[in-house]
C-alpha cells in the first residue's frame, strides 16, 4: 500500500449555485446553498485514501464546529489525523464557491491554515521517514512550502508540488520538487517569458501542465506528450484538480510508468466531476480501475 503524506489546507466549502455569476455591484438570485468539506490539502488527502493509499494529513483547523466537522470527515475517509491540531485563536479555514455557467469561482479564507508553519511541521518529521511521496499545495504559508521542499530534499523523499493558488516559485523550490503540476494559468505565473512548450522542455518528466478538458501535457525527454482527458457530463468541477494530484501521487508511489500515472489520474479526475462537491464525486479505486478496464476492452474490440 502506498504511503502518502499530505501537507496542506483543510476547510469547509460554502457553495452557492446560480445560473450565472454576478457582475461588480450586481445581485443575482441563487438556486441552492450547501456546506461541504474542502481545502486543497484535505481534498487531496481524502482522494488519495479513497484510491487505496495509507494517508497521513498534516494541517491545522480551528477549535470550532467547522474544525470538528473537518476532523470527522478525515476519520470517515480513513485519513490519519495524528498531525492535525486545532488552534484556539483562529477559525477554521473556509472557501466561498460560486458554481455557475458550468464552472466555479472560489475565494479562500485561510484562517487556521496559516498556522501550518515550519515550526509546526518540524514536530512531524518522523512521519516523513515512512512515506513514499509527499503532496503539498499553496493554501498554506509560502515559507512552509519552502521548508517542506528542503526537508524532502534532505530525506530524499519525492515531492509532488501542486502550485495552487498560483504564486511565483524560487528556482530552489522548483529544484526541490520532484513533480510540479500547475494548470495553464498557474504555469504562466511560474514561468513568465516562457511559452508553455519552452517550460515543459526545461523540466522533462517533472512539469505536468493540466489543461482541463484537453488533458495533461508534459515533455518526456524526447517529445511533448498530451495525455487526453475523458469526456463526461460534468456536474461540479470543484476538486477535479485535487483528485488528479492525489491519483497522480498514488500511482507514482506505486511505481507505475509516468504515462500510466497520468492516465490513471485523468480517469480519477473525470469521475470526480460527475457528482456535487469537491469530495462528493471522488472515486474509490475500484471505480477507476473498472472504467479503465472497460476502455481497454473497447479499444481491443
C-alpha atoms as a PDB file:
ATOM      1  CA  UNK A   1       0.000   0.000   0.000  1.00  0.00           C
ATOM      2  CA  UNK A   2       1.343   3.418  -0.976  1.00  0.00           C
ATOM      3  CA  UNK A   3       2.137   5.663   1.988  1.00  0.00           C
ATOM      4  CA  UNK A   4       1.406   9.327   1.308  1.00  0.00           C
ATOM      5  CA  UNK A   5       1.820  12.438   3.439  1.00  0.00           C
ATOM      6  CA  UNK A   6      -0.305  15.443   2.559  1.00  0.00           C
ATOM      7  CA  UNK A   7       0.772  18.821   3.933  1.00  0.00           C
ATOM      8  CA  UNK A   8      -1.813  21.495   3.347  1.00  0.00           C
ATOM      9  CA  UNK A   9      -5.091  23.211   3.993  1.00  0.00           C
ATOM     10  CA  UNK A  10      -8.337  21.947   5.448  1.00  0.00           C
ATOM     11  CA  UNK A  11     -11.536  23.941   5.278  1.00  0.00           C
ATOM     12  CA  UNK A  12     -15.275  23.925   4.907  1.00  0.00           C
ATOM     13  CA  UNK A  13     -16.635  24.896   1.478  1.00  0.00           C
ATOM     14  CA  UNK A  14     -19.630  27.234   1.407  1.00  0.00           C
ATOM     15  CA  UNK A  15     -21.128  26.530  -2.002  1.00  0.00           C
ATOM     16  CA  UNK A  16     -23.691  28.631  -3.848  1.00  0.00           C
ATOM     17  CA  UNK A  17     -25.188  27.534  -7.164  1.00  0.00           C
ATOM     18  CA  UNK A  18     -26.612  30.063  -9.605  1.00  0.00           C
ATOM     19  CA  UNK A  19     -27.461  30.337 -13.284  1.00  0.00           C
ATOM     20  CA  UNK A  20     -24.752  32.959 -13.731  1.00  0.00           C
ATOM     21  CA  UNK A  21     -22.157  34.914 -11.763  1.00  0.00           C
ATOM     22  CA  UNK A  22     -22.996  38.448 -10.645  1.00  0.00           C
ATOM     23  CA  UNK A  23     -21.027  41.317 -12.089  1.00  0.00           C
ATOM     24  CA  UNK A  24     -19.472  44.015  -9.912  1.00  0.00           C
ATOM     25  CA  UNK A  25     -22.184  45.643  -7.796  1.00  0.00           C
ATOM     26  CA  UNK A  26     -24.835  43.217  -9.069  1.00  0.00           C
ATOM     27  CA  UNK A  27     -27.106  40.845  -7.138  1.00  0.00           C
ATOM     28  CA  UNK A  28     -28.443  37.640  -8.657  1.00  0.00           C
ATOM     29  CA  UNK A  29     -30.753  35.009  -7.172  1.00  0.00           C
ATOM     30  CA  UNK A  30     -29.091  31.724  -6.284  1.00  0.00           C
ATOM     31  CA  UNK A  31     -30.501  28.245  -6.765  1.00  0.00           C
ATOM     32  CA  UNK A  32     -29.006  26.488  -3.739  1.00  0.00           C
ATOM     33  CA  UNK A  33     -26.539  26.592  -0.857  1.00  0.00           C
ATOM     34  CA  UNK A  34     -24.648  23.799   0.961  1.00  0.00           C
ATOM     35  CA  UNK A  35     -21.612  23.381   3.200  1.00  0.00           C
ATOM     36  CA  UNK A  36     -19.216  20.532   2.398  1.00  0.00           C
ATOM     37  CA  UNK A  37     -15.681  19.546   3.470  1.00  0.00           C
ATOM     38  CA  UNK A  38     -12.918  21.094   1.375  1.00  0.00           C
ATOM     39  CA  UNK A  39      -9.492  22.698   1.286  1.00  0.00           C
ATOM     40  CA  UNK A  40      -6.945  21.609  -1.295  1.00  0.00           C
ATOM     41  CA  UNK A  41      -4.908  19.626   1.198  1.00  0.00           C
ATOM     42  CA  UNK A  42      -7.906  17.863   2.695  1.00  0.00           C
ATOM     43  CA  UNK A  43      -9.350  17.168  -0.743  1.00  0.00           C
ATOM     44  CA  UNK A  44      -6.132  15.547  -1.890  1.00  0.00           C
ATOM     45  CA  UNK A  45      -5.808  13.520   1.309  1.00  0.00           C
ATOM     46  CA  UNK A  46      -9.353  12.164   1.004  1.00  0.00           C
ATOM     47  CA  UNK A  47      -8.959  11.410  -2.701  1.00  0.00           C
ATOM     48  CA  UNK A  48      -5.694   9.509  -2.114  1.00  0.00           C
ATOM     49  CA  UNK A  49      -7.250   7.487   0.723  1.00  0.00           C
ATOM     50  CA  UNK A  50     -10.237   6.541  -1.418  1.00  0.00           C
ATOM     51  CA  UNK A  51      -7.811   5.369  -4.101  1.00  0.00           C
ATOM     52  CA  UNK A  52      -6.234   2.910  -1.694  1.00  0.00           C
ATOM     53  CA  UNK A  53      -3.299   4.782  -0.165  1.00  0.00           C
ATOM     54  CA  UNK A  54      -2.375   4.989   3.507  1.00  0.00           C
ATOM     55  CA  UNK A  55      -2.626   8.747   4.059  1.00  0.00           C
ATOM     56  CA  UNK A  56      -1.352  10.995   6.838  1.00  0.00           C
ATOM     57  CA  UNK A  57      -2.621  14.579   6.865  1.00  0.00           C
ATOM     58  CA  UNK A  58      -0.526  17.394   8.350  1.00  0.00           C
ATOM     59  CA  UNK A  59      -2.501  20.606   8.902  1.00  0.00           C
ATOM     60  CA  UNK A  60      -4.440  22.818  11.307  1.00  0.00           C
ATOM     61  CA  UNK A  61      -8.112  23.522  11.972  1.00  0.00           C
ATOM     62  CA  UNK A  62      -9.930  25.919  14.268  1.00  0.00           C
ATOM     63  CA  UNK A  63     -11.285  24.861  17.632  1.00  0.00           C
ATOM     64  CA  UNK A  64     -14.834  25.283  16.363  1.00  0.00           C
ATOM     65  CA  UNK A  65     -17.715  23.366  14.813  1.00  0.00           C
ATOM     66  CA  UNK A  66     -16.216  23.569  11.331  1.00  0.00           C
ATOM     67  CA  UNK A  67     -12.964  22.169  12.712  1.00  0.00           C
ATOM     68  CA  UNK A  68     -14.761  19.217  14.283  1.00  0.00           C
ATOM     69  CA  UNK A  69     -16.592  18.587  11.016  1.00  0.00           C
ATOM     70  CA  UNK A  70     -13.286  18.543   9.144  1.00  0.00           C
ATOM     71  CA  UNK A  71     -11.737  16.074  11.615  1.00  0.00           C
ATOM     72  CA  UNK A  72     -14.769  13.785  11.500  1.00  0.00           C
ATOM     73  CA  UNK A  73     -14.644  13.780   7.724  1.00  0.00           C
ATOM     74  CA  UNK A  74     -10.993  12.679   7.805  1.00  0.00           C
ATOM     75  CA  UNK A  75     -11.912   9.846  10.154  1.00  0.00           C
ATOM     76  CA  UNK A  76     -14.759   8.702   7.895  1.00  0.00           C
ATOM     77  CA  UNK A  77     -12.335   8.566   4.972  1.00  0.00           C
ATOM     78  CA  UNK A  78      -9.617   6.732   6.935  1.00  0.00           C
ATOM     79  CA  UNK A  79      -7.111   9.599   6.824  1.00  0.00           C
ATOM     80  CA  UNK A  80      -4.745   9.749   9.802  1.00  0.00           C
ATOM     81  CA  UNK A  81      -5.183  12.985  11.782  1.00  0.00           C
ATOM     82  CA  UNK A  82      -2.342  12.457  14.269  1.00  0.00           C
ATOM     83  CA  UNK A  83      -0.753  15.677  12.966  1.00  0.00           C
ATOM     84  CA  UNK A  84      -3.899  17.814  12.576  1.00  0.00           C
ATOM     85  CA  UNK A  85      -4.092  20.008  15.680  1.00  0.00           C
ATOM     86  CA  UNK A  86      -6.802  22.607  16.478  1.00  0.00           C
ATOM     87  CA  UNK A  87      -5.809  26.214  17.154  1.00  0.00           C
ATOM     88  CA  UNK A  88      -7.862  28.284  19.581  1.00  0.00           C
ATOM     89  CA  UNK A  89      -7.252  31.829  18.344  1.00  0.00           C
ATOM     90  CA  UNK A  90      -8.370  31.389  14.725  1.00  0.00           C
ATOM     91  CA  UNK A  91     -11.419  29.989  12.971  1.00  0.00           C
ATOM     92  CA  UNK A  92     -11.231  27.038  10.623  1.00  0.00           C
ATOM     93  CA  UNK A  93     -10.496  27.862   7.014  1.00  0.00           C
ATOM     94  CA  UNK A  94     -13.354  28.417   4.587  1.00  0.00           C
ATOM     95  CA  UNK A  95     -13.751  28.526   0.827  1.00  0.00           C
ATOM     96  CA  UNK A  96     -16.593  30.520  -0.703  1.00  0.00           C
ATOM     97  CA  UNK A  97     -17.565  28.914  -4.002  1.00  0.00           C
ATOM     98  CA  UNK A  98     -19.941  30.021  -6.730  1.00  0.00           C
ATOM     99  CA  UNK A  99     -20.993  27.339  -9.215  1.00  0.00           C
ATOM    100  CA  UNK A 100     -22.345  28.947 -12.361  1.00  0.00           C
ATOM    101  CA  UNK A 101     -22.122  28.647 -16.137  1.00  0.00           C
ATOM    102  CA  UNK A 102     -20.517  25.208 -15.998  1.00  0.00           C
ATOM    103  CA  UNK A 103     -17.521  26.221 -13.857  1.00  0.00           C
ATOM    104  CA  UNK A 104     -16.553  27.550 -10.428  1.00  0.00           C
ATOM    105  CA  UNK A 105     -15.193  30.729  -8.846  1.00  0.00           C
ATOM    106  CA  UNK A 106     -13.577  30.493  -5.404  1.00  0.00           C
ATOM    107  CA  UNK A 107     -12.496  32.869  -2.622  1.00  0.00           C
ATOM    108  CA  UNK A 108     -10.392  31.167   0.054  1.00  0.00           C
ATOM    109  CA  UNK A 109     -10.056  32.434   3.648  1.00  0.00           C
ATOM    110  CA  UNK A 110      -7.063  30.504   5.112  1.00  0.00           C
ATOM    111  CA  UNK A 111      -7.596  31.343   8.836  1.00  0.00           C
ATOM    112  CA  UNK A 112      -6.215  28.361  10.835  1.00  0.00           C
ATOM    113  CA  UNK A 113      -4.376  27.099   7.753  1.00  0.00           C
ATOM    114  CA  UNK A 114      -1.930  29.981   8.239  1.00  0.00           C
ATOM    115  CA  UNK A 115      -0.738  28.134  11.350  1.00  0.00           C
ATOM    116  CA  UNK A 116       0.711  25.318   9.236  1.00  0.00           C
ATOM    117  CA  UNK A 117       4.151  26.793   9.895  1.00  0.00           C
ATOM    118  CA  UNK A 118       7.706  25.402   9.601  1.00  0.00           C
ATOM    119  CA  UNK A 119       7.845  25.114  13.398  1.00  0.00           C
ATOM    120  CA  UNK A 120       4.636  23.066  13.362  1.00  0.00           C
ATOM    121  CA  UNK A 121       5.963  20.854  10.546  1.00  0.00           C
ATOM    122  CA  UNK A 122       9.183  20.204  12.452  1.00  0.00           C
ATOM    123  CA  UNK A 123       7.179  18.216  15.010  1.00  0.00           C
ATOM    124  CA  UNK A 124       6.056  15.717  12.365  1.00  0.00           C
ATOM    125  CA  UNK A 125       9.428  14.902  10.759  1.00  0.00           C
ATOM    126  CA  UNK A 126       9.264  11.272  11.913  1.00  0.00           C
ATOM    127  CA  UNK A 127       6.231  10.696   9.688  1.00  0.00           C
ATOM    128  CA  UNK A 128       8.241  11.805   6.643  1.00  0.00           C
ATOM    129  CA  UNK A 129      10.656   8.910   7.022  1.00  0.00           C
ATOM    130  CA  UNK A 130       7.972   6.303   6.413  1.00  0.00           C
ATOM    131  CA  UNK A 131       6.331   7.923   3.373  1.00  0.00           C
ATOM    132  CA  UNK A 132       6.671   7.025  -0.302  1.00  0.00           C
ATOM    133  CA  UNK A 133       5.775  10.523  -1.523  1.00  0.00           C
ATOM    134  CA  UNK A 134       4.703  13.870  -0.093  1.00  0.00           C
ATOM    135  CA  UNK A 135       1.965  16.001  -1.620  1.00  0.00           C
ATOM    136  CA  UNK A 136       1.719  19.751  -0.958  1.00  0.00           C
ATOM    137  CA  UNK A 137      -0.188  22.791  -2.274  1.00  0.00           C
ATOM    138  CA  UNK A 138      -0.091  26.561  -1.696  1.00  0.00           C
ATOM    139  CA  UNK A 139      -3.063  27.403   0.538  1.00  0.00           C
ATOM    140  CA  UNK A 140      -0.563  27.466   3.414  1.00  0.00           C
ATOM    141  CA  UNK A 141       2.289  29.911   4.145  1.00  0.00           C
ATOM    142  CA  UNK A 142       4.979  30.280   1.496  1.00  0.00           C
ATOM    143  CA  UNK A 143       7.837  29.653   3.917  1.00  0.00           C
ATOM    144  CA  UNK A 144       6.227  26.351   4.929  1.00  0.00           C
ATOM    145  CA  UNK A 145       6.199  25.148   1.333  1.00  0.00           C
ATOM    146  CA  UNK A 146       9.874  26.105   1.026  1.00  0.00           C
ATOM    147  CA  UNK A 147      10.701  24.331   4.303  1.00  0.00           C
ATOM    148  CA  UNK A 148       8.974  21.136   3.183  1.00  0.00           C
ATOM    149  CA  UNK A 149      10.892  21.266  -0.092  1.00  0.00           C
ATOM    150  CA  UNK A 150      14.193  21.440   1.775  1.00  0.00           C
ATOM    151  CA  UNK A 151      13.152  18.649   4.129  1.00  0.00           C
ATOM    152  CA  UNK A 152      12.146  16.369   1.261  1.00  0.00           C
ATOM    153  CA  UNK A 153      15.454  17.018  -0.479  1.00  0.00           C
ATOM    154  CA  UNK A 154      17.400  16.152   2.672  1.00  0.00           C
ATOM    155  CA  UNK A 155      15.370  12.986   3.230  1.00  0.00           C
ATOM    156  CA  UNK A 156      15.323  12.073  -0.473  1.00  0.00           C
ATOM    157  CA  UNK A 157      11.534  11.898  -0.288  1.00  0.00           C
ATOM    158  CA  UNK A 158       9.757  12.504  -3.625  1.00  0.00           C
ATOM    159  CA  UNK A 159       7.763  15.744  -3.513  1.00  0.00           C
ATOM    160  CA  UNK A 160       4.727  16.497  -5.646  1.00  0.00           C
ATOM    161  CA  UNK A 161       4.035  20.237  -5.559  1.00  0.00           C
ATOM    162  CA  UNK A 162       0.654  21.375  -6.816  1.00  0.00           C
ATOM    163  CA  UNK A 163       1.353  25.148  -7.133  1.00  0.00           C
ATOM    164  CA  UNK A 164      -2.189  26.340  -6.487  1.00  0.00           C
ATOM    165  CA  UNK A 165      -3.185  29.034  -5.826  1.00  0.00           C
ATOM    166  CA  UNK A 166      -0.596  30.483  -8.188  1.00  0.00           C
ATOM    167  CA  UNK A 167       2.346  32.451  -6.823  1.00  0.00           C
ATOM    168  CA  UNK A 168       5.944  32.691  -8.061  1.00  0.00           C
ATOM    169  CA  UNK A 169       8.344  29.935  -7.008  1.00  0.00           C
ATOM    170  CA  UNK A 170      12.079  30.258  -6.434  1.00  0.00           C
ATOM    171  CA  UNK A 171      14.449  28.174  -8.546  1.00  0.00           C
ATOM    172  CA  UNK A 172      15.372  26.331  -5.350  1.00  0.00           C
ATOM    173  CA  UNK A 173      11.750  25.389  -4.689  1.00  0.00           C
ATOM    174  CA  UNK A 174      11.317  24.165  -8.255  1.00  0.00           C
ATOM    175  CA  UNK A 175      14.540  22.162  -7.931  1.00  0.00           C
ATOM    176  CA  UNK A 176      13.345  20.572  -4.677  1.00  0.00           C
ATOM    177  CA  UNK A 177      10.060  19.441  -6.235  1.00  0.00           C
ATOM    178  CA  UNK A 178      10.199  16.069  -7.939  1.00  0.00           C
ATOM    179  CA  UNK A 179       6.923  16.734  -9.762  1.00  0.00           C
ATOM    180  CA  UNK A 180       5.205  20.050 -10.458  1.00  0.00           C
ATOM    181  CA  UNK A 181       1.552  20.146 -11.571  1.00  0.00           C
ATOM    182  CA  UNK A 182       0.263  23.627 -12.476  1.00  0.00           C
ATOM    183  CA  UNK A 183      -2.711  24.335 -14.688  1.00  0.00           C
ATOM    184  CA  UNK A 184      -2.212  26.618 -17.695  1.00  0.00           C
ATOM    185  CA  UNK A 185      -2.845  29.816 -15.715  1.00  0.00           C
ATOM    186  CA  UNK A 186      -0.517  28.779 -12.905  1.00  0.00           C
ATOM    187  CA  UNK A 187       2.205  27.784 -15.377  1.00  0.00           C
ATOM    188  CA  UNK A 188       2.201  31.293 -16.858  1.00  0.00           C
ATOM    189  CA  UNK A 189       2.705  32.743 -13.365  1.00  0.00           C
ATOM    190  CA  UNK A 190       5.535  30.325 -12.635  1.00  0.00           C
ATOM    191  CA  UNK A 191       7.351  30.727 -15.937  1.00  0.00           C
ATOM    192  CA  UNK A 192       6.894  34.310 -17.157  1.00  0.00           C
ATOM    193  CA  UNK A 193       8.520  34.971 -20.505  1.00  0.00           C
ATOM    194  CA  UNK A 194       8.431  31.308 -21.494  1.00  0.00           C
ATOM    195  CA  UNK A 195       5.899  29.592 -23.697  1.00  0.00           C
ATOM    196  CA  UNK A 196       4.350  26.501 -22.159  1.00  0.00           C
ATOM    197  CA  UNK A 197       6.335  24.320 -24.548  1.00  0.00           C
ATOM    198  CA  UNK A 198       9.576  26.033 -23.548  1.00  0.00           C
ATOM    199  CA  UNK A 199       8.786  25.493 -19.873  1.00  0.00           C
ATOM    200  CA  UNK A 200       7.984  21.824 -20.460  1.00  0.00           C
ATOM    201  CA  UNK A 201      11.271  21.241 -22.273  1.00  0.00           C
ATOM    202  CA  UNK A 202      13.166  22.858 -19.426  1.00  0.00           C
ATOM    203  CA  UNK A 203      11.707  20.362 -16.936  1.00  0.00           C
ATOM    204  CA  UNK A 204      11.303  16.945 -18.620  1.00  0.00           C
ATOM    205  CA  UNK A 205       9.233  14.375 -16.695  1.00  0.00           C
ATOM    206  CA  UNK A 206       8.888  16.938 -13.906  1.00  0.00           C
ATOM    207  CA  UNK A 207       6.487  19.595 -15.148  1.00  0.00           C
ATOM    208  CA  UNK A 208       2.948  18.374 -15.883  1.00  0.00           C
ATOM    209  CA  UNK A 209       0.556  21.079 -17.097  1.00  0.00           C
ATOM    210  CA  UNK A 210      -3.124  20.280 -16.675  1.00  0.00           C
ATOM    211  CA  UNK A 211      -5.279  21.659 -19.479  1.00  0.00           C
ATOM    212  CA  UNK A 212      -8.797  20.898 -18.303  1.00  0.00           C
ATOM    213  CA  UNK A 213     -10.899  19.085 -20.871  1.00  0.00           C
ATOM    214  CA  UNK A 214      -7.903  18.657 -23.201  1.00  0.00           C
ATOM    215  CA  UNK A 215      -5.819  16.611 -20.797  1.00  0.00           C
ATOM    216  CA  UNK A 216      -2.318  16.847 -19.325  1.00  0.00           C
ATOM    217  CA  UNK A 217       0.846  17.843 -21.188  1.00  0.00           C
ATOM    218  CA  UNK A 218       4.481  17.028 -20.347  1.00  0.00           C
ATOM    219  CA  UNK A 219       7.846  16.570 -22.064  1.00  0.00           C
ATOM    220  CA  UNK A 220       9.273  13.055 -21.772  1.00  0.00           C
ATOM    221  CA  UNK A 221      12.831  13.976 -22.716  1.00  0.00           C
ATOM    222  CA  UNK A 222      12.262  13.379 -26.422  1.00  0.00           C
ATOM    223  CA  UNK A 223       8.867  14.780 -27.305  1.00  0.00           C
ATOM    224  CA  UNK A 224       5.944  16.723 -25.925  1.00  0.00           C
ATOM    225  CA  UNK A 225       3.164  14.368 -24.847  1.00  0.00           C
ATOM    226  CA  UNK A 226      -0.532  15.158 -24.381  1.00  0.00           C
ATOM    227  CA  UNK A 227      -2.400  12.545 -22.374  1.00  0.00           C
ATOM    228  CA  UNK A 228      -6.060  13.235 -23.198  1.00  0.00           C
ATOM    229  CA  UNK A 229      -8.749  13.572 -20.582  1.00  0.00           C
ATOM    230  CA  UNK A 230     -12.008  11.610 -20.586  1.00  0.00           C
ATOM    231  CA  UNK A 231     -15.291  13.093 -21.749  1.00  0.00           C
ATOM    232  CA  UNK A 232     -18.024  13.096 -19.103  1.00  0.00           C
ATOM    233  CA  UNK A 233     -21.111  15.106 -18.253  1.00  0.00           C
ATOM    234  CA  UNK A 234     -19.736  17.443 -15.583  1.00  0.00           C
ATOM    235  CA  UNK A 235     -21.916  18.328 -12.595  1.00  0.00           C
ATOM    236  CA  UNK A 236     -19.335  20.157 -10.464  1.00  0.00           C
ATOM    237  CA  UNK A 237     -15.675  20.731 -11.430  1.00  0.00           C
ATOM    238  CA  UNK A 238     -14.629  21.721  -7.891  1.00  0.00           C
ATOM    239  CA  UNK A 239     -11.965  19.308  -6.694  1.00  0.00           C
ATOM    240  CA  UNK A 240     -11.090  17.845 -10.099  1.00  0.00           C
ATOM    241  CA  UNK A 241      -7.538  19.167  -9.899  1.00  0.00           C
ATOM    242  CA  UNK A 242      -7.169  17.867  -6.350  1.00  0.00           C
ATOM    243  CA  UNK A 243      -8.352  14.431  -7.433  1.00  0.00           C
ATOM    244  CA  UNK A 244      -5.858  14.470 -10.310  1.00  0.00           C
ATOM    245  CA  UNK A 245      -2.964  15.316  -7.998  1.00  0.00           C
ATOM    246  CA  UNK A 246      -3.939  12.715  -5.422  1.00  0.00           C
ATOM    247  CA  UNK A 247      -4.331   9.989  -8.033  1.00  0.00           C
ATOM    248  CA  UNK A 248      -1.074  11.001  -9.686  1.00  0.00           C
ATOM    249  CA  UNK A 249       0.709  10.747  -6.321  1.00  0.00           C
ATOM    250  CA  UNK A 250      -0.817   7.324  -5.614  1.00  0.00           C
ATOM    251  CA  UNK A 251       0.224   5.947  -8.998  1.00  0.00           C
ATOM    252  CA  UNK A 252       3.741   7.411  -8.683  1.00  0.00           C
ATOM    253  CA  UNK A 253       4.129   5.915  -5.198  1.00  0.00           C
ATOM    254  CA  UNK A 254       3.121   2.537  -6.624  1.00  0.00           C
ATOM    255  CA  UNK A 255       5.906   2.761  -9.222  1.00  0.00           C
ATOM    256  CA  UNK A 256       3.758   2.959 -12.346  1.00  0.00           C
ATOM    257  CA  UNK A 257       5.284   4.401 -15.566  1.00  0.00           C
ATOM    258  CA  UNK A 258       4.768   8.142 -15.967  1.00  0.00           C
ATOM    259  CA  UNK A 259       2.258   7.999 -18.804  1.00  0.00           C
ATOM    260  CA  UNK A 260       0.212   5.368 -16.979  1.00  0.00           C
ATOM    261  CA  UNK A 261       0.271   7.556 -13.858  1.00  0.00           C
ATOM    262  CA  UNK A 262      -1.180  10.453 -15.843  1.00  0.00           C
ATOM    263  CA  UNK A 263      -3.851   8.249 -17.434  1.00  0.00           C
ATOM    264  CA  UNK A 264      -4.895   6.916 -14.036  1.00  0.00           C
ATOM    265  CA  UNK A 265      -5.049  10.450 -12.624  1.00  0.00           C
ATOM    266  CA  UNK A 266      -7.048  11.740 -15.603  1.00  0.00           C
ATOM    267  CA  UNK A 267      -9.560   8.936 -15.218  1.00  0.00           C
ATOM    268  CA  UNK A 268      -9.990   9.598 -11.491  1.00  0.00           C
ATOM    269  CA  UNK A 269     -10.391  13.342 -12.104  1.00  0.00           C
ATOM    270  CA  UNK A 270     -13.012  12.753 -14.794  1.00  0.00           C
ATOM    271  CA  UNK A 271     -15.104  10.667 -12.404  1.00  0.00           C
ATOM    272  CA  UNK A 272     -14.819  13.296  -9.672  1.00  0.00           C
ATOM    273  CA  UNK A 273     -16.747  15.936 -11.631  1.00  0.00           C
ATOM    274  CA  UNK A 274     -19.835  13.771 -12.120  1.00  0.00           C
ATOM    275  CA  UNK A 275     -21.174  14.480  -8.616  1.00  0.00           C
ATOM    276  CA  UNK A 276     -21.653  17.546  -6.450  1.00  0.00           C
ATOM    277  CA  UNK A 277     -18.971  18.863  -4.079  1.00  0.00           C
ATOM    278  CA  UNK A 278     -15.196  18.866  -4.089  1.00  0.00           C
ATOM    279  CA  UNK A 279     -15.140  15.469  -2.374  1.00  0.00           C
ATOM    280  CA  UNK A 280     -18.607  14.250  -3.328  1.00  0.00           C
ATOM    281  CA  UNK A 281     -17.554  12.631  -6.579  1.00  0.00           C
ATOM    282  CA  UNK A 282     -14.059  11.499  -5.647  1.00  0.00           C
ATOM    283  CA  UNK A 283     -13.954   7.855  -6.728  1.00  0.00           C
ATOM    284  CA  UNK A 284     -12.762   4.763  -4.924  1.00  0.00           C
ATOM    285  CA  UNK A 285     -10.034   2.638  -6.502  1.00  0.00           C
ATOM    286  CA  UNK A 286     -12.379   0.012  -7.907  1.00  0.00           C
ATOM    287  CA  UNK A 287     -14.389   2.602  -9.852  1.00  0.00           C
ATOM    288  CA  UNK A 288     -11.290   3.973 -11.579  1.00  0.00           C
ATOM    289  CA  UNK A 289      -9.914   0.548 -12.437  1.00  0.00           C
ATOM    290  CA  UNK A 290     -13.246  -0.698 -13.793  1.00  0.00           C
ATOM    291  CA  UNK A 291     -13.541   2.347 -16.061  1.00  0.00           C
ATOM    292  CA  UNK A 292     -10.004   1.861 -17.365  1.00  0.00           C
ATOM    293  CA  UNK A 293     -10.594  -1.837 -17.972  1.00  0.00           C
ATOM    294  CA  UNK A 294     -13.798  -1.099 -19.884  1.00  0.00           C
ATOM    295  CA  UNK A 295     -11.952   1.399 -22.085  1.00  0.00           C
ATOM    296  CA  UNK A 296      -9.158  -1.077 -22.802  1.00  0.00           C
ATOM    297  CA  UNK A 297     -11.713  -3.747 -23.711  1.00  0.00           C
ATOM    298  CA  UNK A 298     -13.477  -1.386 -26.109  1.00  0.00           C
ATOM    299  CA  UNK A 299     -10.138  -0.434 -27.654  1.00  0.00           C
ATOM    300  CA  UNK A 300      -9.274  -4.115 -28.261  1.00  0.00           C
ATOM    301  CA  UNK A 301     -12.647  -4.685 -29.894  1.00  0.00           C
END
